[in-house]
C-alpha atoms as a PDB file:
ATOM      1  CA  MET A   1    -139.840  24.128 205.101  1.00  0.00           C
ATOM      2  CA  LEU A   2    -136.440  25.634 204.389  1.00  0.00           C
ATOM      3  CA  SER A   3    -133.796  25.508 207.074  1.00  0.00           C
ATOM      4  CA  HIS A   4    -132.048  28.552 208.442  1.00  0.00           C
ATOM      5  CA  TRP A   5    -128.844  27.764 206.457  1.00  0.00           C
ATOM      6  CA  MET A   6    -130.742  27.272 203.192  1.00  0.00           C
ATOM      7  CA  ILE A   7    -132.337  30.703 203.568  1.00  0.00           C
ATOM      8  CA  LYS A   8    -128.898  32.266 204.195  1.00  0.00           C
ATOM      9  CA  LEU A   9    -127.497  30.487 201.120  1.00  0.00           C
ATOM     10  CA  LEU A  10    -130.386  31.727 198.941  1.00  0.00           C
ATOM     11  CA  ASN A  11    -129.837  35.238 200.301  1.00  0.00           C
ATOM     12  CA  VAL A  12    -126.123  35.115 199.366  1.00  0.00           C
ATOM     13  CA  VAL A  13    -126.959  33.857 195.844  1.00  0.00           C
ATOM     14  CA  PHE A  14    -129.552  36.625 195.397  1.00  0.00           C
ATOM     15  CA  VAL A  15    -127.173  39.370 196.568  1.00  0.00           C
ATOM     16  CA  PHE A  16    -124.372  38.018 194.352  1.00  0.00           C
ATOM     17  CA  SER A  17    -126.615  37.918 191.248  1.00  0.00           C
ATOM     18  CA  LEU A  18    -127.997  41.394 191.973  1.00  0.00           C
ATOM     19  CA  GLY A  19    -124.457  42.753 192.346  1.00  0.00           C
ATOM     20  CA  THR A  20    -123.375  41.088 189.104  1.00  0.00           C
ATOM     21  CA  VAL A  21    -126.297  42.598 187.179  1.00  0.00           C
ATOM     22  CA  THR A  22    -125.592  46.024 188.677  1.00  0.00           C
ATOM     23  CA  LEU A  23    -121.928  45.858 187.670  1.00  0.00           C
ATOM     24  CA  TRP A  24    -122.851  44.721 184.168  1.00  0.00           C
ATOM     25  CA  LEU A  25    -125.336  47.623 183.769  1.00  0.00           C
ATOM     26  CA  LEU A  26    -122.747  50.076 185.065  1.00  0.00           C
ATOM     27  CA  TYR A  27    -120.167  48.742 182.595  1.00  0.00           C
ATOM     28  CA  ARG A  28    -122.665  49.010 179.697  1.00  0.00           C
ATOM     29  CA  SER A  29    -123.574  52.596 180.560  1.00  0.00           C
ATOM     30  CA  VAL A  30    -119.916  53.637 180.781  1.00  0.00           C
ATOM     31  CA  ALA A  31    -119.053  51.812 177.549  1.00  0.00           C
ATOM     32  CA  SER A  32    -121.966  53.340 175.633  1.00  0.00           C
ATOM     33  CA  ASP A  33    -121.119  56.795 177.029  1.00  0.00           C
ATOM     34  CA  LYS A  34    -117.571  56.483 175.677  1.00  0.00           C
ATOM     35  CA  VAL A  35    -118.915  55.614 172.233  1.00  0.00           C
ATOM     36  CA  ARG A  36    -121.374  58.492 172.315  1.00  0.00           C
ATOM     37  CA  ARG A  37    -118.730  60.994 173.342  1.00  0.00           C
ATOM     38  CA  SER A  38    -116.201  59.934 170.741  1.00  0.00           C
ATOM     39  CA  SER A  39    -118.461  59.894 167.683  1.00  0.00           C
ATOM     40  CA  PRO A  40    -120.068  63.368 167.681  1.00  0.00           C
ATOM     41  CA  SER A  41    -116.872  65.198 168.548  1.00  0.00           C
ATOM     42  CA  LYS A  42    -116.242  65.798 164.854  1.00  0.00           C
ATOM     43  CA  ARG A  43    -119.574  67.518 164.253  1.00  0.00           C
ATOM     44  CA  ALA A  44    -120.977  70.548 166.015  1.00  0.00           C
ATOM     45  CA  GLU A  45    -123.879  70.213 168.406  1.00  0.00           C
ATOM     46  CA  LEU A  46    -127.205  70.545 166.548  1.00  0.00           C
ATOM     47  CA  PHE A  47    -130.399  72.184 167.790  1.00  0.00           C
ATOM     48  CA  ILE A  48    -133.980  72.223 166.536  1.00  0.00           C
ATOM     49  CA  ARG A  49    -135.766  75.563 166.543  1.00  0.00           C
ATOM     50  CA  VAL A  50    -139.473  75.774 165.738  1.00  0.00           C
ATOM     51  CA  LEU A  51    -141.123  79.111 164.959  1.00  0.00           C
ATOM     52  CA  ARG A  52    -144.885  79.600 164.783  1.00  0.00           C
ATOM     53  CA  ASN A  53    -145.928  82.697 162.808  1.00  0.00           C
ATOM     54  CA  ASN A  54    -142.290  83.922 163.091  1.00  0.00           C
ATOM     55  CA  THR A  55    -142.482  83.678 166.903  1.00  0.00           C
ATOM     56  CA  PRO A  56    -140.347  81.186 168.869  1.00  0.00           C
ATOM     57  CA  PHE A  57    -142.411  78.086 169.653  1.00  0.00           C
ATOM     58  CA  LEU A  58    -139.933  75.307 170.587  1.00  0.00           C
ATOM     59  CA  ASN A  59    -136.163  75.121 171.089  1.00  0.00           C
ATOM     60  CA  PHE A  60    -134.279  71.957 172.028  1.00  0.00           C
ATOM     61  CA  PRO A  61    -131.095  70.011 171.254  1.00  0.00           C
ATOM     62  CA  PHE A  62    -131.124  67.421 168.455  1.00  0.00           C
ATOM     63  CA  ASN A  63    -130.176  64.550 170.761  1.00  0.00           C
ATOM     64  CA  LYS A  64    -132.366  61.705 169.477  1.00  0.00           C
ATOM     65  CA  SER A  65    -131.836  59.651 166.346  1.00  0.00           C
ATOM     66  CA  HIS A  66    -135.180  60.749 164.880  1.00  0.00           C
ATOM     67  CA  TYR A  67    -138.104  63.081 165.537  1.00  0.00           C
ATOM     68  CA  LEU A  68    -141.622  62.586 164.197  1.00  0.00           C
ATOM     69  CA  ILE A  69    -143.366  65.851 163.232  1.00  0.00           C
ATOM     70  CA  GLY A  70    -147.122  66.420 163.251  1.00  0.00           C
ATOM     71  CA  ARG A  71    -150.275  66.855 165.291  1.00  0.00           C
ATOM     72  CA  GLY A  72    -150.565  63.251 166.555  1.00  0.00           C
ATOM     73  CA  ALA A  73    -149.861  62.153 170.114  1.00  0.00           C
ATOM     74  CA  GLU A  74    -146.954  59.959 168.948  1.00  0.00           C
ATOM     75  CA  CYS A  75    -145.134  62.946 167.425  1.00  0.00           C
ATOM     76  CA  ASP A  76    -141.996  64.340 169.055  1.00  0.00           C
ATOM     77  CA  ILE A  77    -142.406  67.811 167.520  1.00  0.00           C
ATOM     78  CA  LEU A  78    -146.051  68.587 168.193  1.00  0.00           C
ATOM     79  CA  LEU A  79    -147.653  71.189 165.921  1.00  0.00           C
ATOM     80  CA  LYS A  80    -151.017  72.685 166.839  1.00  0.00           C
ATOM     81  CA  GLY A  81    -153.700  73.854 164.464  1.00  0.00           C
ATOM     82  CA  MET A  82    -156.656  72.937 162.303  1.00  0.00           C
ATOM     83  CA  GLY A  83    -155.847  70.996 159.163  1.00  0.00           C
ATOM     84  CA  ILE A  84    -152.396  69.862 160.255  1.00  0.00           C
ATOM     85  CA  PRO A  85    -152.028  66.116 159.569  1.00  0.00           C
ATOM     86  CA  LEU A  86    -151.298  63.652 162.373  1.00  0.00           C
ATOM     87  CA  THR A  87    -147.842  62.945 160.917  1.00  0.00           C
ATOM     88  CA  ILE A  88    -146.180  65.292 158.462  1.00  0.00           C
ATOM     89  CA  GLY A  89    -142.592  64.162 158.348  1.00  0.00           C
ATOM     90  CA  GLU A  90    -139.595  62.775 160.142  1.00  0.00           C
ATOM     91  CA  LEU A  91    -136.237  64.340 160.972  1.00  0.00           C
ATOM     92  CA  SER A  92    -133.437  61.862 161.516  1.00  0.00           C
ATOM     93  CA  LEU A  93    -129.707  61.833 161.975  1.00  0.00           C
ATOM     94  CA  ARG A  94    -127.803  59.298 159.834  1.00  0.00           C
ATOM     95  CA  ASP A  95    -124.027  59.198 159.551  1.00  0.00           C
ATOM     96  CA  ASP A  96    -123.669  62.843 160.659  1.00  0.00           C
ATOM     97  CA  ASP A  97    -126.269  63.928 158.056  1.00  0.00           C
ATOM     98  CA  CYS A  98    -129.662  65.360 158.937  1.00  0.00           C
ATOM     99  CA  ILE A  99    -132.408  63.809 156.791  1.00  0.00           C
ATOM    100  CA  PHE A 100    -136.021  64.988 156.394  1.00  0.00           C
ATOM    101  CA  ARG A 101    -138.559  62.484 155.117  1.00  0.00           C
ATOM    102  CA  ASN A 102    -141.815  64.040 153.912  1.00  0.00           C
ATOM    103  CA  LEU A 103    -144.843  61.841 154.675  1.00  0.00           C
ATOM    104  CA  GLN A 104    -147.444  64.119 153.004  1.00  0.00           C
ATOM    105  CA  GLU A 105    -148.192  64.871 149.380  1.00  0.00           C
ATOM    106  CA  HIS A 106    -148.330  68.615 149.979  1.00  0.00           C
ATOM    107  CA  ALA A 107    -147.960  71.355 152.608  1.00  0.00           C
ATOM    108  CA  VAL A 108    -144.184  71.046 153.127  1.00  0.00           C
ATOM    109  CA  ARG A 109    -141.530  73.367 151.713  1.00  0.00           C
ATOM    110  CA  ILE A 110    -137.797  73.443 152.287  1.00  0.00           C
ATOM    111  CA  ASN A 111    -136.270  76.908 151.882  1.00  0.00           C
ATOM    112  CA  ASP A 112    -139.514  78.025 150.157  1.00  0.00           C
ATOM    113  CA  GLU A 113    -139.233  75.217 147.589  1.00  0.00           C
ATOM    114  CA  PRO A 114    -142.216  72.811 147.614  1.00  0.00           C
ATOM    115  CA  ILE A 115    -141.254  69.172 147.929  1.00  0.00           C
ATOM    116  CA  GLU A 116    -143.240  66.076 147.159  1.00  0.00           C
ATOM    117  CA  LYS A 117    -143.337  62.904 149.229  1.00  0.00           C
ATOM    118  CA  GLU A 118    -139.578  62.390 149.292  1.00  0.00           C
ATOM    119  CA  VAL A 119    -136.416  62.299 151.399  1.00  0.00           C
ATOM    120  CA  ARG A 120    -134.089  65.315 151.521  1.00  0.00           C
ATOM    121  CA  LYS A 121    -130.755  66.018 153.167  1.00  0.00           C
ATOM    122  CA  ILE A 122    -130.960  69.058 155.438  1.00  0.00           C
ATOM    123  CA  VAL A 123    -127.933  71.204 156.207  1.00  0.00           C
ATOM    124  CA  PRO A 124    -127.806  73.473 159.258  1.00  0.00           C
ATOM    125  CA  GLY A 125    -129.604  76.702 158.444  1.00  0.00           C
ATOM    126  CA  ASP A 126    -132.199  75.133 156.132  1.00  0.00           C
ATOM    127  CA  GLU A 127    -135.818  75.934 156.931  1.00  0.00           C
ATOM    128  CA  ILE A 128    -138.605  73.340 156.755  1.00  0.00           C
ATOM    129  CA  ILE A 129    -141.910  75.184 156.382  1.00  0.00           C
ATOM    130  CA  VAL A 130    -145.089  73.371 157.433  1.00  0.00           C
ATOM    131  CA  TYR A 131    -148.262  75.495 157.318  1.00  0.00           C
ATOM    132  CA  ASN A 132    -147.499  78.426 159.674  1.00  0.00           C
ATOM    133  CA  TYR A 133    -144.501  76.699 161.306  1.00  0.00           C
ATOM    134  CA  ALA A 134    -140.835  76.987 160.376  1.00  0.00           C
ATOM    135  CA  ILE A 135    -138.478  74.276 161.633  1.00  0.00           C
ATOM    136  CA  LYS A 136    -134.764  75.047 161.520  1.00  0.00           C
ATOM    137  CA  ILE A 137    -131.760  72.872 162.242  1.00  0.00           C
ATOM    138  CA  LEU A 138    -129.023  75.058 163.723  1.00  0.00           C
ATOM    139  CA  GLN A 139    -125.496  74.544 164.956  1.00  0.00           C
ATOM    140  CA  GLU A 140    -124.729  75.650 168.485  1.00  0.00           C
ATOM    141  CA  ASN A 141    -123.308  79.090 167.638  1.00  0.00           C
ATOM    142  CA  SER A 142    -126.230  79.974 165.310  1.00  0.00           C
ATOM    143  CA  PHE A 143    -128.701  78.709 167.896  1.00  0.00           C
ATOM    144  CA  ASN A 144    -127.155  80.877 170.629  1.00  0.00           C
ATOM    145  CA  GLU A 145    -127.270  83.945 168.362  1.00  0.00           C
ATOM    146  CA  SER A 146    -130.950  83.403 167.564  1.00  0.00           C
ATOM    147  CA  MET A 147    -131.761  82.953 171.261  1.00  0.00           C
ATOM    148  CA  ARG A 148    -129.944  86.220 172.049  1.00  0.00           C
ATOM    149  CA  SER A 149    -131.873  88.109 169.360  1.00  0.00           C
ATOM    150  CA  ASP A 150    -135.163  86.677 170.706  1.00  0.00           C
ATOM    151  CA  ARG A 151    -134.327  87.924 174.209  1.00  0.00           C
ATOM    152  CA  GLN A 152    -133.477  91.374 172.856  1.00  0.00           C
ATOM    153  CA  ARG A 153    -136.724  91.492 170.889  1.00  0.00           C
ATOM    154  CA  LEU A 154    -138.723  90.525 174.000  1.00  0.00           C
ATOM    155  CA  GLN A 155    -136.964  93.183 176.096  1.00  0.00           C
ATOM    156  CA  LYS A 156    -137.712  95.871 173.502  1.00  0.00           C
ATOM    157  CA  GLY A 157    -141.355  94.769 173.457  1.00  0.00           C
ATOM    158  CA  LYS A 158    -141.622  95.189 177.246  1.00  0.00           C
ATOM    159  CA  GLU A 159    -140.247  98.754 177.170  1.00  0.00           C
END
């Protein structure tokens, strides 16, 4: 059986170790935040815009290092429809360049140009066409303009 003083000593050791771990995690989060803020300041904020049959389907910021595209549950950009493969391709950000890696032999075009199973550099404004979906990488100002035009189109449709 542990004495009263041994229990107090164990409690102090536990609280000290918990505090140390908390401080270390806080330091790591602040340090990684500084790195994250300093590196993308040179490039504009990127967004991913997905259209289905020329209608807005998904819009979100490009804030992960890579996105898997397809119909499968593991995909980040989920496309619906018959005949769409489980994984079609992968969008990734490497050294401030956006890269698209095609995982299928067919069914993918970039700016209406068919591409084989290959890796391509994508610049903002390029359009990746997969079946009836169009995936665009846009900079913040272009993204905001397209969102504004969508809102105007929806308001005209309601009138």
